[in-house]
Amino acid sequence: MGIWQKLFSGGKTPPESARDLSRNAPCWCGSEKKYKQCHFAADKAHFTARQNEACKGPT
């Protein structure tokens, strides 16, 4: 898979290891950018949505 496919594939979910990355660490996608300038905001939204879904409880 090429770097452009890794960076711009819309349906890709972040790995679980992204939860433990510091903001100044290199991004998990391999772009050589800092995590905070690359996928931080998208990953935060993803993990927050998953947490909110889990906290809803049975319906």
PDB file of N, CA and C in Angstrom:
ATOM      1  N   MET A   1       0.852  -1.176   0.000  1.00  0.00           N
ATOM      2  CA  MET A   1       0.000   0.000   0.000  1.00  0.00           C
ATOM      3  C   MET A   1       0.893   1.233   0.000  1.00  0.00           C
ATOM      4  N   GLY A   2       0.596   2.191  -0.852  1.00  0.00           N
ATOM      5  CA  GLY A   2       1.390   3.405  -0.951  1.00  0.00           C
ATOM      6  C   GLY A   2       1.078   4.391   0.153  1.00  0.00           C
ATOM      7  N   ILE A   3       1.958   5.356   0.308  1.00  0.00           N
ATOM      8  CA  ILE A   3       1.788   6.352   1.368  1.00  0.00           C
ATOM      9  C   ILE A   3       0.518   7.168   1.172  1.00  0.00           C
ATOM     10  N   TRP A   4       0.152   7.469  -0.070  1.00  0.00           N
ATOM     11  CA  TRP A   4      -1.061   8.257  -0.310  1.00  0.00           C
ATOM     12  C   TRP A   4      -2.308   7.484   0.061  1.00  0.00           C
ATOM     13  N   GLN A   5      -2.299   6.179  -0.169  1.00  0.00           N
ATOM     14  CA  GLN A   5      -3.442   5.365   0.239  1.00  0.00           C
ATOM     15  C   GLN A   5      -3.537   5.296   1.752  1.00  0.00           C
ATOM     16  N   LYS A   6      -2.397   5.222   2.430  1.00  0.00           N
ATOM     17  CA  LYS A   6      -2.410   5.195   3.888  1.00  0.00           C
ATOM     18  C   LYS A   6      -2.939   6.507   4.455  1.00  0.00           C
ATOM     19  N   LEU A   7      -2.522   7.619   3.854  1.00  0.00           N
ATOM     20  CA  LEU A   7      -2.908   8.920   4.383  1.00  0.00           C
ATOM     21  C   LEU A   7      -4.349   9.295   4.084  1.00  0.00           C
ATOM     22  N   PHE A   8      -4.837   8.920   2.915  1.00  0.00           N
ATOM     23  CA  PHE A   8      -6.132   9.426   2.484  1.00  0.00           C
ATOM     24  C   PHE A   8      -7.207   8.360   2.311  1.00  0.00           C
ATOM     25  N   SER A   9      -6.990   7.173   2.857  1.00  0.00           N
ATOM     26  CA  SER A   9      -8.055   6.173   2.790  1.00  0.00           C
ATOM     27  C   SER A   9      -9.102   6.533   3.841  1.00  0.00           C
ATOM     28  N   GLY A  10     -10.287   6.835   3.382  1.00  0.00           N
ATOM     29  CA  GLY A  10     -11.315   7.368   4.261  1.00  0.00           C
ATOM     30  C   GLY A  10     -11.820   6.427   5.324  1.00  0.00           C
ATOM     31  N   GLY A  11     -11.914   5.130   5.057  1.00  0.00           N
ATOM     32  CA  GLY A  11     -12.511   4.220   6.001  1.00  0.00           C
ATOM     33  C   GLY A  11     -11.548   3.602   6.985  1.00  0.00           C
ATOM     34  N   LYS A  12     -10.320   4.061   7.029  1.00  0.00           N
ATOM     35  CA  LYS A  12      -9.327   3.446   7.887  1.00  0.00           C
ATOM     36  C   LYS A  12      -9.512   3.889   9.333  1.00  0.00           C
ATOM     37  N   THR A  13      -9.497   2.944  10.245  1.00  0.00           N
ATOM     38  CA  THR A  13      -9.609   3.272  11.658  1.00  0.00           C
ATOM     39  C   THR A  13      -8.229   3.261  12.291  1.00  0.00           C
ATOM     40  N   PRO A  14      -8.026   4.071  13.321  1.00  0.00           N
ATOM     41  CA  PRO A  14      -6.717   4.115  13.958  1.00  0.00           C
ATOM     42  C   PRO A  14      -6.443   2.838  14.745  1.00  0.00           C
ATOM     43  N   PRO A  15      -5.181   2.459  14.871  1.00  0.00           N
ATOM     44  CA  PRO A  15      -4.858   1.291  15.686  1.00  0.00           C
ATOM     45  C   PRO A  15      -5.067   1.607  17.158  1.00  0.00           C
ATOM     46  N   GLU A  16      -5.281   0.578  17.965  1.00  0.00           N
ATOM     47  CA  GLU A  16      -5.469   0.772  19.402  1.00  0.00           C
ATOM     48  C   GLU A  16      -4.253   1.438  20.037  1.00  0.00           C
ATOM     49  N   SER A  17      -3.073   1.224  19.452  1.00  0.00           N
ATOM     50  CA  SER A  17      -1.859   1.826  20.013  1.00  0.00           C
ATOM     51  C   SER A  17      -1.882   3.348  19.908  1.00  0.00           C
ATOM     52  N   ALA A  18      -2.772   3.905  19.085  1.00  0.00           N
ATOM     53  CA  ALA A  18      -2.857   5.356  18.940  1.00  0.00           C
ATOM     54  C   ALA A  18      -3.372   6.008  20.214  1.00  0.00           C
ATOM     55  N   ARG A  19      -4.052   5.258  21.069  1.00  0.00           N
ATOM     56  CA  ARG A  19      -4.538   5.804  22.337  1.00  0.00           C
ATOM     57  C   ARG A  19      -3.388   6.251  23.231  1.00  0.00           C
ATOM     58  N   ASP A  20      -2.244   5.587  23.125  1.00  0.00           N
ATOM     59  CA  ASP A  20      -1.126   5.834  24.021  1.00  0.00           C
ATOM     60  C   ASP A  20      -0.062   6.763  23.434  1.00  0.00           C
ATOM     61  N   LEU A  21      -0.265   7.253  22.235  1.00  0.00           N
ATOM     62  CA  LEU A  21       0.724   8.140  21.620  1.00  0.00           C
ATOM     63  C   LEU A  21       0.678   9.517  22.269  1.00  0.00           C
ATOM     64  N   SER A  22       1.854  10.094  22.458  1.00  0.00           N
ATOM     65  CA  SER A  22       1.882  11.480  22.917  1.00  0.00           C
ATOM     66  C   SER A  22       1.704  12.386  21.696  1.00  0.00           C
ATOM     67  N   ARG A  23       1.306  13.604  21.936  1.00  0.00           N
ATOM     68  CA  ARG A  23       1.041  14.522  20.827  1.00  0.00           C
ATOM     69  C   ARG A  23       2.277  14.797  19.987  1.00  0.00           C
ATOM     70  N   ASN A  24       3.464  14.752  20.593  1.00  0.00           N
ATOM     71  CA  ASN A  24       4.692  15.074  19.875  1.00  0.00           C
ATOM     72  C   ASN A  24       5.376  13.859  19.267  1.00  0.00           C
ATOM     73  N   ALA A  25       4.792  12.686  19.412  1.00  0.00           N
ATOM     74  CA  ALA A  25       5.355  11.473  18.820  1.00  0.00           C
ATOM     75  C   ALA A  25       5.112  11.486  17.311  1.00  0.00           C
ATOM     76  N   PRO A  26       5.930  10.753  16.556  1.00  0.00           N
ATOM     77  CA  PRO A  26       5.645  10.624  15.116  1.00  0.00           C
ATOM     78  C   PRO A  26       4.292   9.935  14.912  1.00  0.00           C
ATOM     79  N   CYS A  27       3.566  10.341  13.915  1.00  0.00           N
ATOM     80  CA  CYS A  27       2.237   9.776  13.668  1.00  0.00           C
ATOM     81  C   CYS A  27       2.324   8.303  13.292  1.00  0.00           C
ATOM     82  N   TRP A  28       1.327   7.556  13.660  1.00  0.00           N
ATOM     83  CA  TRP A  28       1.273   6.117  13.404  1.00  0.00           C
ATOM     84  C   TRP A  28       1.110   5.794  11.922  1.00  0.00           C
ATOM     85  N   CYS A  29       0.682   6.761  11.115  1.00  0.00           N
ATOM     86  CA  CYS A  29       0.414   6.490   9.698  1.00  0.00           C
ATOM     87  C   CYS A  29       1.676   6.460   8.843  1.00  0.00           C
ATOM     88  N   GLY A  30       2.795   6.932   9.406  1.00  0.00           N
ATOM     89  CA  GLY A  30       4.039   6.913   8.641  1.00  0.00           C
ATOM     90  C   GLY A  30       4.288   8.170   7.831  1.00  0.00           C
ATOM     91  N   SER A  31       3.561   9.232   8.101  1.00  0.00           N
ATOM     92  CA  SER A  31       3.723  10.462   7.329  1.00  0.00           C
ATOM     93  C   SER A  31       4.944  11.278   7.750  1.00  0.00           C
ATOM     94  N   GLU A  32       5.580  10.911   8.839  1.00  0.00           N
ATOM     95  CA  GLU A  32       6.728  11.613   9.416  1.00  0.00           C
ATOM     96  C   GLU A  32       6.352  12.974   9.995  1.00  0.00           C
ATOM     97  N   LYS A  33       5.064  13.234  10.160  1.00  0.00           N
ATOM     98  CA  LYS A  33       4.604  14.432  10.844  1.00  0.00           C
ATOM     99  C   LYS A  33       4.415  14.090  12.321  1.00  0.00           C
ATOM    100  N   LYS A  34       4.335  15.141  13.151  1.00  0.00           N
ATOM    101  CA  LYS A  34       3.984  14.908  14.540  1.00  0.00           C
ATOM    102  C   LYS A  34       2.527  14.465  14.581  1.00  0.00           C
ATOM    103  N   TYR A  35       2.217  13.624  15.564  1.00  0.00           N
ATOM    104  CA  TYR A  35       0.864  13.082  15.707  1.00  0.00           C
ATOM    105  C   TYR A  35      -0.161  14.204  15.838  1.00  0.00           C
ATOM    106  N   LYS A  36       0.177  15.270  16.586  1.00  0.00           N
ATOM    107  CA  LYS A  36      -0.781  16.356  16.801  1.00  0.00           C
ATOM    108  C   LYS A  36      -1.101  17.117  15.523  1.00  0.00           C
ATOM    109  N   GLN A  37      -0.218  17.056  14.528  1.00  0.00           N
ATOM    110  CA  GLN A  37      -0.446  17.771  13.274  1.00  0.00           C
ATOM    111  C   GLN A  37      -1.008  16.867  12.189  1.00  0.00           C
ATOM    112  N   CYS A  38      -1.181  15.602  12.496  1.00  0.00           N
ATOM    113  CA  CYS A  38      -1.619  14.659  11.465  1.00  0.00           C
ATOM    114  C   CYS A  38      -2.983  14.043  11.815  1.00  0.00           C
ATOM    115  N   HIS A  39      -3.014  13.044  12.659  1.00  0.00           N
ATOM    116  CA  HIS A  39      -4.237  12.299  12.944  1.00  0.00           C
ATOM    117  C   HIS A  39      -4.818  12.508  14.337  1.00  0.00           C
ATOM    118  N   PHE A  40      -4.255  13.388  15.138  1.00  0.00           N
ATOM    119  CA  PHE A  40      -4.692  13.546  16.525  1.00  0.00           C
ATOM    120  C   PHE A  40      -6.186  13.847  16.637  1.00  0.00           C
ATOM    121  N   ALA A  41      -6.660  14.850  15.916  1.00  0.00           N
ATOM    122  CA  ALA A  41      -8.063  15.266  16.018  1.00  0.00           C
ATOM    123  C   ALA A  41      -9.014  14.165  15.543  1.00  0.00           C
ATOM    124  N   ALA A  42      -8.685  13.522  14.441  1.00  0.00           N
ATOM    125  CA  ALA A  42      -9.549  12.460  13.911  1.00  0.00           C
ATOM    126  C   ALA A  42      -9.577  11.261  14.852  1.00  0.00           C
ATOM    127  N   ASP A  43      -8.412  10.901  15.408  1.00  0.00           N
ATOM    128  CA  ASP A  43      -8.365   9.761  16.330  1.00  0.00           C
ATOM    129  C   ASP A  43      -9.113  10.070  17.619  1.00  0.00           C
ATOM    130  N   LYS A  44      -8.990  11.294  18.106  1.00  0.00           N
ATOM    131  CA  LYS A  44      -9.696  11.689  19.322  1.00  0.00           C
ATOM    132  C   LYS A  44     -11.213  11.562  19.112  1.00  0.00           C
ATOM    133  N   ALA A  45     -11.697  12.020  17.980  1.00  0.00           N
ATOM    134  CA  ALA A  45     -13.129  11.915  17.669  1.00  0.00           C
ATOM    135  C   ALA A  45     -13.550  10.453  17.566  1.00  0.00           C
ATOM    136  N   HIS A  46     -12.721   9.619  16.953  1.00  0.00           N
ATOM    137  CA  HIS A  46     -13.035   8.205  16.796  1.00  0.00           C
ATOM    138  C   HIS A  46     -13.147   7.518  18.149  1.00  0.00           C
ATOM    139  N   PHE A  47     -12.139   7.700  19.003  1.00  0.00           N
ATOM    140  CA  PHE A  47     -12.134   7.024  20.299  1.00  0.00           C
ATOM    141  C   PHE A  47     -13.205   7.580  21.230  1.00  0.00           C
ATOM    142  N   THR A  48     -13.516   8.863  21.128  1.00  0.00           N
ATOM    143  CA  THR A  48     -14.583   9.441  21.946  1.00  0.00           C
ATOM    144  C   THR A  48     -15.937   8.868  21.531  1.00  0.00           C
ATOM    145  N   ALA A  49     -16.159   8.726  20.242  1.00  0.00           N
ATOM    146  CA  ALA A  49     -17.419   8.149  19.758  1.00  0.00           C
ATOM    147  C   ALA A  49     -17.565   6.698  20.218  1.00  0.00           C
ATOM    148  N   ARG A  50     -16.465   5.935  20.163  1.00  0.00           N
ATOM    149  CA  ARG A  50     -16.522   4.545  20.642  1.00  0.00           C
ATOM    150  C   ARG A  50     -16.805   4.482  22.129  1.00  0.00           C
ATOM    151  N   GLN A  51     -16.205   5.387  22.895  1.00  0.00           N
ATOM    152  CA  GLN A  51     -16.425   5.402  24.340  1.00  0.00           C
ATOM    153  C   GLN A  51     -17.868   5.776  24.640  1.00  0.00           C
ATOM    154  N   ASN A  52     -18.390   6.771  23.939  1.00  0.00           N
ATOM    155  CA  ASN A  52     -19.780   7.183  24.158  1.00  0.00           C
ATOM    156  C   ASN A  52     -20.753   6.068  23.801  1.00  0.00           C
ATOM    157  N   GLU A  53     -20.452   5.327  22.756  1.00  0.00           N
ATOM    158  CA  GLU A  53     -21.304   4.205  22.359  1.00  0.00           C
ATOM    159  C   GLU A  53     -21.305   3.130  23.432  1.00  0.00           C
ATOM    160  N   ALA A  54     -20.139   2.863  24.006  1.00  0.00           N
ATOM    161  CA  ALA A  54     -20.028   1.842  25.050  1.00  0.00           C
ATOM    162  C   ALA A  54     -20.733   2.279  26.341  1.00  0.00           C
ATOM    163  N   CYS A  55     -20.780   3.577  26.592  1.00  0.00           N
ATOM    164  CA  CYS A  55     -21.374   4.075  27.831  1.00  0.00           C
ATOM    165  C   CYS A  55     -22.901   4.181  27.769  1.00  0.00           C
ATOM    166  N   LYS A  56     -23.483   4.031  26.606  1.00  0.00           N
ATOM    167  CA  LYS A  56     -24.931   4.138  26.479  1.00  0.00           C
ATOM    168  C   LYS A  56     -25.660   3.035  27.250  1.00  0.00           C
ATOM    169  N   GLY A  57     -25.052   1.883  27.298  1.00  0.00           N
ATOM    170  CA  GLY A  57     -25.677   0.762  27.999  1.00  0.00           C
ATOM    171  C   GLY A  57     -26.747   0.114  27.137  1.00  0.00           C
ATOM    172  N   PRO A  58     -27.421  -0.872  27.711  1.00  0.00           N
ATOM    173  CA  PRO A  58     -28.464  -1.559  26.936  1.00  0.00           C
ATOM    174  C   PRO A  58     -29.656  -0.647  26.692  1.00  0.00           C
ATOM    175  N   THR A  59     -30.267  -0.830  25.549  1.00  0.00           N
ATOM    176  CA  THR A  59     -31.430   0.007  25.204  1.00  0.00           C
ATOM    177  C   THR A  59     -32.706  -0.734  25.424  1.00  0.00           C
TER     178      THR A  59
END
